[in-house]
Protein backbone atom coordinates (compact mmCIF):
# COMPACT_ATOMS: atom_id res chain seq x y z
CA MET A 1 19.18 -125.18 -17.30
CA SER A 2 15.70 -125.37 -15.75
CA ASP A 3 14.07 -122.60 -13.77
CA VAL A 4 14.64 -122.70 -10.01
CA ARG A 5 11.39 -123.73 -8.37
CA ALA A 6 10.27 -121.94 -5.22
CA ILE A 7 10.09 -124.08 -2.08
CA SER A 8 7.37 -123.15 0.39
CA ASN A 9 7.60 -123.58 4.15
CA LEU A 10 6.10 -126.90 5.29
CA ASN A 11 4.55 -125.10 8.27
CA SER A 12 2.80 -122.60 6.03
CA SER A 13 -0.80 -123.09 4.92
CA ASN A 14 0.09 -121.65 1.50
CA ARG A 15 1.86 -124.11 -0.80
CA ILE A 16 3.14 -123.98 -4.38
CA SER A 17 2.20 -126.71 -6.86
CA ARG A 18 4.68 -128.26 -9.25
CA ASP A 19 3.26 -125.99 -11.96
CA GLY A 20 3.79 -122.82 -9.88
CA TYR A 21 0.21 -122.26 -8.61
CA THR A 22 -0.28 -121.18 -5.00
CA PHE A 23 -2.99 -123.00 -3.05
CA ASN A 24 -4.11 -123.00 0.59
CA ILE A 25 -3.92 -126.37 2.31
CA ASN A 26 -6.90 -125.45 4.54
CA SER A 27 -9.13 -124.67 1.56
CA ASN A 28 -11.50 -127.29 0.15
CA VAL A 29 -10.66 -126.33 -3.42
CA TRP A 30 -7.06 -126.45 -4.68
CA ILE A 31 -6.25 -125.01 -8.10
CA LEU A 32 -2.98 -126.73 -9.09
CA ASN A 33 -2.71 -125.45 -12.65
CA LYS A 34 -4.92 -124.02 -15.38
CA GLU A 35 -6.61 -127.37 -16.03
CA THR A 36 -6.37 -129.24 -12.74
CA LYS A 37 -8.06 -128.63 -9.44
CA ILE A 38 -8.94 -130.77 -6.45
CA SER A 39 -12.37 -130.22 -4.92
CA PHE A 40 -12.73 -132.01 -1.60
CA GLN A 41 -16.16 -133.64 -1.63
CA PRO A 42 -18.51 -133.96 1.38
CA ASP A 43 -17.80 -137.68 1.92
CA VAL A 44 -14.05 -136.99 2.11
CA LEU A 45 -14.55 -133.95 4.35
CA ALA A 46 -16.63 -136.14 6.69
CA ILE A 47 -13.74 -138.45 7.63
CA GLU A 48 -12.23 -138.03 11.09
CA PRO A 49 -10.30 -134.74 11.47
CA LYS A 50 -6.85 -136.25 12.06
CA THR A 51 -7.15 -138.42 8.93
CA LEU A 52 -8.37 -135.47 6.84
CA LYS A 53 -5.45 -133.39 8.12
CA GLY A 54 -2.99 -136.14 7.19
CA LEU A 55 -4.62 -136.55 3.75
CA LYS A 56 -4.33 -132.85 2.94
CA LYS A 57 -0.73 -132.64 4.12
CA THR A 58 0.24 -135.65 2.01
CA LEU A 59 -1.59 -134.35 -1.07
CA ALA A 60 0.12 -130.99 -0.60
CA ARG A 61 3.52 -132.70 -0.62
CA TYR A 62 2.54 -134.56 -3.78
CA ALA A 63 1.32 -131.36 -5.45
CA GLU A 64 4.67 -129.72 -4.71
CA GLU A 65 6.96 -132.59 -5.64
CA TYR A 66 5.11 -134.63 -8.27
CA SER A 67 2.92 -133.92 -11.30
CA VAL A 68 -0.45 -132.30 -10.62
CA GLY A 69 -2.13 -135.03 -12.66
CA HIS A 70 -0.71 -137.74 -10.40
CA THR A 71 -1.74 -135.74 -7.32
CA SER A 72 -5.29 -135.42 -8.62
CA ASN A 73 -5.42 -139.14 -9.39
CA MET A 74 -4.36 -139.99 -5.83
CA TYR A 75 -7.17 -137.85 -4.45
CA LEU A 76 -9.70 -139.53 -6.76
CA ARG A 77 -8.49 -143.03 -5.80
CA PHE A 78 -8.76 -142.12 -2.10
CA GLN A 79 -12.21 -140.63 -2.61
CA ARG A 80 -13.33 -143.80 -4.41
CA MET A 81 -12.15 -145.94 -1.49
CA ILE A 82 -13.98 -143.77 1.06
CA ARG A 83 -17.18 -143.89 -0.99
CA ASP A 84 -17.02 -147.63 -1.64
CA ILE A 85 -16.40 -148.56 2.01
CA GLY A 86 -18.30 -145.71 3.68
CA CYS A 87 -15.59 -145.29 6.31
CA GLU A 88 -14.35 -142.37 8.37
CA GLU A 89 -10.81 -143.63 8.92
CA VAL A 90 -8.25 -145.78 7.12
CA ASN A 91 -7.39 -148.99 8.93
CA GLU A 92 -6.29 -152.47 7.86
CA ASN A 93 -9.90 -153.69 7.55
CA VAL A 94 -10.74 -150.84 5.16
CA ILE A 95 -7.83 -151.88 2.93
CA ARG A 96 -8.79 -155.56 2.94
CA ASN A 97 -12.48 -154.84 2.36
CA TRP A 98 -11.81 -152.47 -0.54
CA ARG A 99 -9.54 -154.95 -2.22
CA GLY A 100 -12.28 -157.55 -1.88
CA MET A 101 -14.73 -155.19 -3.61
CA LEU A 102 -12.45 -154.45 -6.58
CA ASN A 103 -12.56 -156.76 -9.58
CA ASP A 104 -9.55 -157.75 -11.68
CA GLU A 105 -10.10 -154.77 -13.96
CA ASN A 106 -10.11 -152.23 -11.10
CA GLU A 107 -7.60 -153.81 -8.71
CA TRP A 108 -5.02 -151.31 -9.93
CA TYR A 109 -6.95 -148.59 -8.07
CA LEU A 110 -5.53 -149.91 -4.80
CA GLY A 111 -2.26 -150.72 -6.55
CA SER A 112 -1.74 -147.06 -7.42
CA LEU A 113 -3.10 -145.73 -4.10
CA ARG A 114 -0.77 -148.02 -2.10
CA GLY A 115 2.29 -145.91 -2.86
CA PHE A 116 0.43 -142.78 -1.76
CA LEU A 117 -0.60 -144.37 1.54
CA LEU A 118 2.95 -145.61 2.17
CA SER A 119 4.29 -142.10 1.52
CA TRP A 120 1.65 -140.73 3.87
CA TYR A 121 2.99 -143.00 6.62
CA ASP A 122 6.62 -142.21 5.75
CA TYR A 123 5.92 -138.46 5.98
CA GLY A 124 4.83 -139.04 9.57
CA TYR A 125 1.37 -137.51 9.18
CA SER A 126 -1.62 -138.72 11.18
CA GLY A 127 -4.15 -141.15 9.70
CA ILE A 128 -2.10 -144.14 8.51
CA SER A 129 -0.86 -146.70 11.05
CA LYS A 130 1.95 -149.27 10.89
CA ALA A 131 -0.74 -151.98 10.70
CA VAL A 132 -2.05 -150.46 7.45
CA VAL A 133 1.49 -150.35 6.05
CA ASP A 134 2.05 -154.02 6.93
CA VAL A 135 -1.16 -155.04 5.14
CA LEU A 136 -0.32 -152.97 2.06
CA GLU A 137 3.23 -154.31 1.81
CA GLY A 138 1.97 -157.87 2.15
CA MET A 139 -0.38 -157.54 -0.84
CA ARG A 140 0.46 -158.30 -4.46
CA LEU A 141 -1.55 -155.87 -6.55
CA LYS A 142 -1.75 -154.99 -10.20
CA GLY A 143 -0.36 -151.59 -11.12
CA SER A 144 -1.93 -149.24 -13.60
CA VAL A 145 -0.65 -149.46 -17.15
CA LYS A 146 1.19 -146.25 -17.99
CA GLY A 147 3.25 -145.17 -21.01
CA VAL A 148 4.09 -148.02 -23.36
CA ALA A 149 2.94 -151.62 -22.92
CA ILE A 150 6.47 -152.77 -22.14
CA ALA A 151 6.85 -150.42 -19.16
CA ASN A 152 8.30 -152.22 -16.12
CA ARG A 153 6.31 -153.14 -13.04
CA CYS A 154 5.87 -150.44 -10.34
CA PRO A 155 7.48 -147.56 -12.30
CA ILE A 156 6.26 -145.00 -9.78
CA TYR A 157 6.93 -146.49 -6.35
CA GLY A 158 9.00 -149.63 -6.97
CA ALA A 159 12.67 -150.23 -7.70
CA PHE A 160 14.46 -147.89 -10.09
CA SER A 161 15.51 -149.26 -13.45
CA GLN A 162 19.19 -149.25 -14.38
CA ASN A 163 18.68 -146.21 -16.60
CA GLU A 164 16.79 -144.39 -13.86
CA GLN A 165 19.62 -145.01 -11.40
CA LEU A 166 22.15 -143.48 -13.79
CA THR A 167 19.82 -140.58 -14.58
CA ILE A 168 19.31 -139.84 -10.87
CA ALA A 169 23.06 -139.87 -10.19
CA ASN A 170 23.72 -137.47 -13.08
CA GLU A 171 20.87 -135.20 -12.00
CA LEU A 172 22.20 -134.96 -8.45
CA ILE A 173 25.53 -133.82 -9.86
CA ARG A 174 23.78 -131.21 -12.02
CA LEU A 175 21.71 -129.88 -9.11
CA PHE A 176 24.78 -129.52 -6.92
CA THR A 177 26.92 -128.03 -9.71
CA GLU A 178 24.24 -125.43 -10.43
CA ASP A 179 23.93 -124.66 -6.70
CA LEU A 180 20.32 -125.84 -6.57
CA ILE A 181 20.96 -128.16 -3.63
CA SER A 182 23.39 -127.88 -0.72
CA PHE A 183 26.48 -130.04 -0.28
CA ASP A 184 24.78 -131.66 2.74
CA CYS A 185 21.79 -132.55 0.56
CA TYR A 186 23.96 -133.92 -2.25
CA SER A 187 25.96 -136.01 0.22
CA TYR A 188 22.84 -137.42 1.88
CA LEU A 189 21.18 -138.46 -1.39
CA SER A 190 24.45 -139.92 -2.71
CA THR A 191 24.90 -141.93 0.49
CA LEU A 192 21.30 -143.07 0.38
CA GLN A 193 21.67 -144.23 -3.21
CA ALA A 194 25.01 -145.95 -2.61
CA THR A 195 24.23 -147.74 0.66
CA ALA A 196 20.43 -148.25 0.58
CA ARG A 197 20.44 -147.69 4.33
CA ARG A 198 17.49 -146.21 6.20
CA SER A 199 17.45 -142.49 6.95
CA ILE A 200 17.31 -143.33 10.67
CA GLN A 201 20.72 -144.95 10.22
CA LEU A 202 22.30 -142.22 8.10
CA ARG A 203 21.24 -139.48 10.51
CA GLN A 204 23.47 -141.08 13.18
CA LEU A 205 26.66 -140.95 11.10
CA LYS A 206 29.71 -139.16 12.48
CA ALA A 207 33.05 -138.18 10.97
CA GLN A 208 34.77 -141.18 12.58
CA ASP A 209 32.53 -143.55 10.62
CA ILE A 210 34.34 -142.73 7.36
CA ILE A 211 37.12 -145.29 7.03
CA LYS A 212 40.06 -145.76 4.67
CA GLU A 213 42.21 -148.89 4.96
CA GLN A 214 45.32 -149.95 3.08
CA SER A 215 45.12 -153.41 1.51
CA GLU A 216 47.65 -155.86 2.92
CA GLY A 217 50.61 -156.33 0.61
CA LYS A 218 49.12 -154.02 -1.98
CA LYS A 219 49.29 -150.33 -2.75
CA THR A 220 45.51 -150.03 -3.08
CA SER A 221 43.05 -148.69 -0.52
CA ASN A 222 39.62 -149.88 0.57
CA TYR A 223 36.88 -147.52 1.72
CA PHE A 224 34.12 -148.20 4.22
CA LEU A 225 31.29 -146.53 6.08
CA ASN A 226 30.63 -147.76 9.61
CA VAL A 227 26.84 -147.45 9.59
CA PRO A 228 24.93 -147.50 12.90
CA ARG A 229 22.26 -150.16 13.04
CA ALA A 230 18.58 -149.40 13.62
CA LYS A 231 15.35 -151.30 14.21
CA GLN A 232 17.28 -153.84 16.31
CA GLN A 233 15.72 -154.92 19.58
CA GLY A 234 17.49 -153.36 22.57
CA VAL A 235 19.90 -151.31 20.42
CA GLY A 236 20.03 -147.59 21.11
CA PHE A 237 21.73 -144.60 19.49
CA ARG A 238 25.03 -145.72 17.91
CA GLN A 239 25.27 -148.89 20.00
CA ALA A 240 25.72 -151.32 17.10
CA PHE A 241 27.34 -150.93 13.68
CA LYS A 242 27.73 -152.69 10.37
CA ARG A 243 30.56 -151.84 7.99
CA VAL A 244 29.56 -151.09 4.39
CA ALA A 245 32.02 -150.93 1.50
CA ILE A 246 31.81 -147.67 -0.47
CA THR A 247 33.53 -146.15 -3.49
CA GLU A 248 36.46 -143.78 -3.27
CA GLU A 249 34.22 -141.09 -4.75
CA LEU A 250 31.67 -141.37 -1.94
CA TYR A 251 34.50 -141.58 0.61
CA LEU A 252 35.95 -138.29 -0.62
CA THR A 253 32.50 -136.68 -0.72
CA LEU A 254 31.79 -137.61 2.90
CA LEU A 255 35.33 -136.71 3.99
CA ASN A 256 34.90 -133.22 2.54
CA LEU A 257 31.47 -132.98 4.16
CA SER A 258 32.92 -133.91 7.56
CA LYS A 259 35.63 -131.23 7.25
CA THR A 260 33.01 -128.65 6.28
CA GLN A 261 30.85 -129.56 9.29
CA GLN A 262 33.83 -129.52 11.67
CA LYS A 263 34.87 -126.07 10.48
CA LYS A 264 31.34 -124.72 10.85
CA LEU A 265 30.87 -126.31 14.28
CA SER A 266 34.16 -124.85 15.46
CA LYS A 267 32.96 -121.39 14.39
CA VAL A 268 29.65 -121.80 16.27
CA TYR A 269 31.47 -123.21 19.32
CA GLY A 270 33.98 -120.37 19.27
CA LEU A 271 36.95 -122.69 19.91
CA LYS A 272 39.14 -125.04 17.92
CA LEU A 273 37.86 -128.61 18.01
CA SER A 274 39.98 -131.33 19.58
CA PRO A 275 40.73 -134.51 17.56
CA LEU A 276 38.06 -136.38 19.53
CA GLN A 277 35.48 -133.63 18.96
CA LYS A 278 36.27 -133.69 15.25
CA ALA A 279 35.79 -137.46 15.17
CA LEU A 280 32.40 -137.16 16.91
CA THR A 281 31.08 -134.35 14.67
CA PRO A 282 27.83 -135.44 12.95
CA LEU A 283 27.87 -135.68 9.17
CA PHE A 284 24.34 -134.30 8.93
CA VAL A 285 24.07 -131.53 11.50
CA ASP A 286 20.87 -129.94 12.76
CA TRP A 287 22.23 -126.41 12.54
CA SER A 288 19.03 -124.81 13.82
CA THR A 289 19.18 -126.72 17.10
CA THR A 290 22.96 -126.30 17.31
CA GLN A 291 22.75 -122.52 16.93
CA GLN A 292 19.95 -122.37 19.48
CA ILE A 293 21.89 -124.38 22.06
CA PHE A 294 25.02 -122.24 21.82
CA SER A 295 23.23 -118.88 21.64
CA ASN A 296 20.81 -119.49 24.52
CA SER A 297 23.07 -121.23 27.01
CA LYS A 298 24.16 -119.13 29.98
CA GLU A 299 26.59 -121.81 31.19
CA PRO A 300 29.74 -123.02 29.39
CA ILE A 301 28.86 -125.68 26.83
CA LYS A 302 30.47 -129.10 27.27
CA LEU A 303 30.72 -129.95 23.58
CA GLY A 304 32.08 -133.43 24.26
CA ASP A 305 28.94 -134.37 26.18
CA LEU A 306 26.71 -132.95 23.45
CA LEU A 307 28.54 -134.88 20.74
CA ASN A 308 27.87 -138.17 22.53
CA THR A 309 24.12 -137.58 22.17
CA ASP A 310 21.93 -137.22 19.09
CA LEU A 311 21.03 -133.58 19.84
CA LEU A 312 23.21 -132.08 17.11
CA HIS A 313 22.22 -134.68 14.51
CA SER A 314 19.52 -133.95 11.93
CA SER A 315 16.31 -135.88 12.51
CA THR A 316 14.84 -138.24 9.91
CA ILE A 317 12.06 -135.69 9.42
CA GLN A 318 14.60 -132.98 8.62
CA LEU A 319 16.42 -135.26 6.16
CA ARG A 320 13.13 -136.04 4.48
CA ASP A 321 11.58 -132.58 4.51
CA ASN A 322 14.72 -130.55 3.81
CA PHE A 323 16.80 -132.78 1.54
CA MET A 324 14.53 -135.31 -0.19
CA ARG A 325 11.76 -132.76 -0.64
CA THR A 326 14.11 -130.17 -2.16
CA VAL A 327 15.46 -132.69 -4.67
CA ASN A 328 11.98 -133.92 -5.58
CA ILE A 329 10.86 -130.36 -6.27
CA ARG A 330 13.89 -129.30 -8.29
CA HIS A 331 15.15 -132.36 -10.17
CA GLU A 332 14.38 -133.03 -13.83
CA ALA A 333 15.32 -136.73 -14.02
CA ILE A 334 12.93 -138.43 -16.46
CA SER A 335 11.92 -142.10 -16.32
CA GLU A 336 12.16 -143.95 -19.63
CA ARG A 337 9.25 -146.09 -18.41
CA THR A 338 6.70 -143.33 -17.85
CA GLY A 339 8.04 -140.26 -19.63
CA GLU A 340 7.58 -138.30 -16.39
CA ARG A 341 9.84 -137.14 -13.57
CA ILE A 342 11.13 -139.91 -11.34
CA LEU A 343 9.64 -139.95 -7.86
CA LEU A 344 12.41 -140.25 -5.27
CA SER A 345 12.13 -141.73 -1.79
CA ALA A 346 14.35 -143.59 0.66
CA ARG A 347 12.04 -146.59 0.31
CA ARG A 348 12.66 -146.77 -3.46
CA PHE A 349 16.44 -146.71 -3.00
CA ARG A 350 16.18 -149.70 -0.62
CA ARG A 351 13.90 -151.60 -2.96
CA THR A 352 16.30 -150.92 -5.79
CA ARG A 353 19.22 -152.48 -3.90
CA GLY A 354 17.16 -155.57 -3.06
CA THR A 355 15.86 -155.87 -6.62
CA ASN A 356 19.33 -155.47 -8.15
CA LEU A 357 20.62 -158.28 -5.97
CA GLY A 358 17.55 -160.40 -6.76
CA ARG A 359 18.21 -160.03 -10.48
CA LYS A 360 21.63 -161.59 -9.97
CA GLY A 361 20.15 -164.63 -8.20
CA ILE A 362 21.52 -163.63 -4.80
CA SER A 363 20.03 -165.61 -1.91
CA ALA A 364 17.48 -164.13 0.49
CA ALA A 365 19.99 -164.36 3.35
CA VAL A 366 22.58 -162.28 1.47
CA ILE A 367 19.95 -159.72 0.43
CA ALA A 368 18.82 -159.43 4.05
CA GLU A 369 22.45 -158.80 5.04
CA ALA A 370 22.84 -156.14 2.31
CA LEU A 371 19.70 -154.34 3.51
CA ASP A 372 20.72 -154.72 7.18
CA HIS A 373 17.81 -156.97 8.14
CA SER A 374 18.28 -159.34 11.07
CA ASP A 375 16.42 -162.10 9.22
CA THR A 376 14.87 -162.85 5.80
CA GLN A 377 11.27 -162.24 6.91
CA ASN A 378 10.87 -158.89 5.12
CA VAL A 379 13.23 -159.39 2.18
CA MET A 380 10.41 -160.01 -0.30
CA VAL A 381 9.03 -156.55 0.46
CA TYR A 382 12.12 -155.03 -1.14
CA THR A 383 13.01 -157.50 -3.89
CA GLU A 384 9.74 -157.49 -5.90
CA ASN A 385 9.22 -159.79 -8.87
CA THR A 386 12.54 -159.69 -10.70
CA ALA A 387 11.03 -161.26 -13.82
CA ASP A 388 8.93 -158.12 -14.27
CA THR A 389 11.55 -155.51 -13.46
CA VAL A 390 13.94 -155.87 -16.40
CA THR A 391 13.12 -154.54 -19.83
CA TYR A 392 15.83 -155.49 -22.31
CA ILE A 393 16.27 -152.62 -24.74
CA ASP A 394 16.74 -153.92 -28.26
CA GLN A 395 16.06 -152.01 -31.49
CA ALA A 396 12.28 -152.51 -31.31
CA VAL A 397 12.04 -151.53 -27.66
CA GLY A 398 14.49 -148.63 -28.00
CA LYS A 399 12.34 -146.96 -30.65
CA GLN A 400 9.35 -147.00 -28.28
CA LEU A 401 11.19 -145.93 -25.14
CA ALA A 402 13.29 -143.10 -26.61
CA PRO A 403 10.48 -140.47 -26.62
CA PHE A 404 9.70 -141.30 -22.98
CA ALA A 405 13.29 -141.37 -21.70
CA ARG A 406 14.27 -137.92 -23.02
CA ALA A 407 17.90 -138.95 -22.53
CA PHE A 408 19.04 -136.41 -25.13
CA LYS A 409 19.28 -132.93 -23.59
CA GLY A 410 20.73 -130.78 -26.39
CA GLU A 411 19.37 -129.14 -29.55
CA ILE A 412 19.56 -130.21 -33.20
CA ILE A 413 21.10 -127.74 -35.67
CA CYS A 414 21.14 -127.64 -39.47
CA SER A 415 24.77 -126.55 -39.79
CA SER A 416 27.77 -126.08 -37.51
CA ALA A 417 27.45 -122.31 -37.87
CA ASP A 418 24.05 -122.48 -36.11
CA GLY A 419 25.73 -123.49 -32.84
CA GLU A 420 26.74 -121.12 -30.04
CA ARG A 421 30.34 -120.99 -31.28
CA GLY A 422 29.45 -120.35 -34.92
CA ASP A 423 32.14 -121.31 -37.45
CA ASP A 424 34.76 -122.07 -34.79
CA PRO A 425 36.44 -125.23 -36.18
CA THR A 426 37.31 -126.46 -32.67
CA ALA A 427 33.59 -126.65 -31.87
CA LYS A 428 33.04 -129.39 -34.47
CA ILE A 429 32.76 -132.92 -33.05
CA PRO A 430 33.94 -135.80 -35.27
CA ASN A 431 33.07 -139.47 -34.84
CA LYS A 432 35.57 -142.33 -35.11
CA ASP A 433 35.37 -142.13 -38.92
CA ASN A 434 36.15 -138.42 -38.75
CA ASP A 435 32.63 -137.45 -39.89
CA VAL A 436 31.35 -134.31 -38.17
CA VAL A 437 28.29 -135.32 -36.12
CA GLY A 438 27.63 -132.02 -34.36
CA ALA A 439 29.01 -129.02 -32.51
CA CYS A 440 29.88 -128.31 -28.89
CA GLY A 441 27.97 -125.43 -27.34
CA THR A 442 30.54 -124.63 -24.66
CA ASN A 443 34.19 -123.66 -24.42
CA ASP A 444 34.73 -125.84 -21.35
CA PHE A 445 37.56 -128.35 -21.56
CA CYS A 446 36.36 -131.90 -22.22
CA VAL A 447 38.15 -135.17 -23.06
CA LYS A 448 35.23 -137.62 -22.90
CA GLY A 449 34.94 -138.36 -26.64
CA TYR A 450 32.05 -138.01 -29.04
CA GLU A 451 29.94 -140.85 -27.58
CA SER A 452 29.30 -139.00 -24.33
CA CYS A 453 28.28 -135.88 -26.28
CA TYR A 454 24.87 -137.41 -27.02
CA VAL A 455 23.91 -137.27 -23.32
CA CYS A 456 25.31 -133.74 -22.82
CA GLU A 457 22.96 -130.74 -22.83
CA LYS A 458 25.64 -128.68 -24.63
CA PHE A 459 25.77 -131.02 -27.65
CA ARG A 460 24.29 -129.72 -30.93
CA PRO A 461 23.91 -132.70 -33.32
CA LEU A 462 23.80 -131.92 -37.04
CA LEU A 463 20.54 -132.66 -38.79
CA ASP A 464 22.14 -134.66 -41.63
CA ALA A 465 24.98 -136.35 -39.73
CA PRO A 466 25.28 -140.19 -39.75
CA HIS A 467 23.59 -140.73 -36.38
CA GLU A 468 21.85 -143.91 -37.63
CA LYS A 469 25.23 -145.49 -38.32
CA PHE A 470 26.35 -144.81 -34.74
CA LEU A 471 23.06 -146.14 -33.35
CA GLU A 472 23.41 -149.35 -35.34
CA SER A 473 26.94 -149.85 -34.02
CA LEU A 474 25.69 -149.41 -30.43
CA TYR A 475 23.05 -152.11 -30.87
CA LYS A 476 25.64 -154.45 -32.44
CA GLU A 477 28.06 -153.77 -29.57
CA LYS A 478 25.31 -154.55 -27.08
CA GLU A 479 24.44 -157.87 -28.71
CA ALA A 480 28.13 -158.80 -28.85
CA ARG A 481 28.44 -158.09 -25.10
CA LEU A 482 25.39 -160.21 -24.36
CA LYS A 483 26.67 -163.09 -26.48
CA ALA A 484 30.11 -162.97 -24.87
CA THR A 485 29.03 -162.62 -21.22
CA LYS A 486 25.41 -163.88 -21.13
CA SER A 487 24.79 -160.91 -18.79
CA GLU A 488 21.93 -158.55 -19.70
CA GLU A 489 23.08 -156.17 -16.98
CA TYR A 490 26.58 -155.85 -18.47
CA ALA A 491 25.21 -155.68 -22.00
CA SER A 492 22.92 -152.81 -20.98
CA THR A 493 25.61 -150.45 -19.65
CA LYS A 494 25.17 -148.08 -22.61
CA ASP A 495 21.36 -148.07 -22.64
CA THR A 496 21.10 -144.39 -21.70
CA LEU A 497 23.38 -143.51 -24.62
CA ILE A 498 21.31 -145.75 -26.92
CA LEU A 499 18.09 -144.00 -25.92
CA ALA A 500 19.69 -140.59 -26.45
CA VAL A 501 20.97 -141.46 -29.96
CA GLU A 502 17.64 -143.14 -30.78
CA TRP A 503 15.85 -139.90 -29.92
CA VAL A 504 18.25 -137.85 -32.08
CA VAL A 505 17.69 -140.21 -35.03
CA GLN A 506 13.89 -139.99 -34.65
CA ALA A 507 13.93 -136.20 -34.19
CA CYS A 508 16.17 -135.68 -37.24
CA ALA A 509 13.91 -137.90 -39.36
CA GLU A 510 10.85 -135.94 -38.23
CA MET A 511 12.52 -132.60 -38.97
CA ASN A 512 13.60 -133.77 -42.44
CA GLN A 513 10.08 -135.05 -43.11
CA ASN A 514 8.55 -131.73 -42.07
CA HIS A 515 11.05 -129.85 -44.21
CA THR A 516 10.19 -132.05 -47.21
CA GLY A 517 6.48 -131.45 -46.63
CA GLU A 518 6.99 -127.68 -46.49
CA THR A 519 9.02 -127.80 -49.70
CA ASN A 520 6.31 -129.78 -51.50
CA ASN A 521 3.65 -127.36 -50.31
CA ASP A 522 5.66 -124.47 -51.73
């Protein structure tokens, strides 16, 4: 379990970097860790005040949520643009002119800065306009090469890989289980990941939008979310909807959330809610505003009237600053493409949905429908180049990616007695051939089987167990799936497990080699 990171107030001038260093946003020198500092140079300090304010606020968010090295790089890329162009603001002409000045070798400067500028706009800070965003999203730029040569395109701001999606889902469960994020936060991120809808749409959700229907003539149920539409001309708050199919798991999550919110709202209101009031209760409640309304009002509150407005709903800014920010600061999900923490944003979840559909050869019209676009005009913004987004993990690729993915979370032991449960025979974990491959470090009940142990942080693999044999069988199983179905996506369903076992095999080999070297030296 990782340490709980402190989360500073966004309205405070003092912030805390990802590495635990406090810095003042109004200072011109930020010390982010022992080796990294940002010194704002005169040419950057000379830009117009509102742009400088937006730059510092965005960099502060990056310093809190992302690696300090990446934050420093974003400042340096921005500084280079300001120096090259000699500008005092960032507009669409600055972007076009800088791209024209960069050669093929340096085009990635703008490629890497683009994500930072898009985040800047998404955060709602001054200095970046919608026109700048439109220009940036219309450009095809080279990204910087990071990690191994086979790393996928846009590993920082683009669509998530299949492994990253699974890693994010598992990490959200861990954060909620360890009480590091609230149930509201977990529900929001899960809904965002499952539906790829905009935050402006999810903020409008109410309890009545969670739907369960019985299939005709069958004993099975179907689950839906009636999602309000947004960015439609002439459509106001909850005036148009589009039904989205969801899993039973997400249905139950949101149903429990709605009951929690109804109970809490009833307590604040001081009366039992009627069936209609329960149906109109927001899923994501702005409790600060709600408490203020009920505590300050001198007249009786007409809750029904309030529930028909958006007053009690969280704003998109609150969803971003309270939920997404908290997860970005506290999660430990590692990308197999970069070896670093995955950067989460609503934009990336939408691009992932579009890219996943693009990989399957789905038409632009269907992708536009899935992303709730009225036409296909902006579909290419989200789908990216599908030829560049898939890395097929075979034995050669797996060996290179395993150290970056860090899919294995446990610790290697030399004998079963070295585990937390010592010589307890029930702690030993056998494989399908009844060979002991490791020990379980917990007494919790588990029926998942030995394969899932390799991605569990409580698993203690034995140094000399036949892990290579298991790894070889996984690669053979994958190739058999590919041959039978011709689907790389289906064949890759166990890639996270493959990367975890690959890491164990490599780590055991390194430990044995070091042990042999020490013995020879003796």
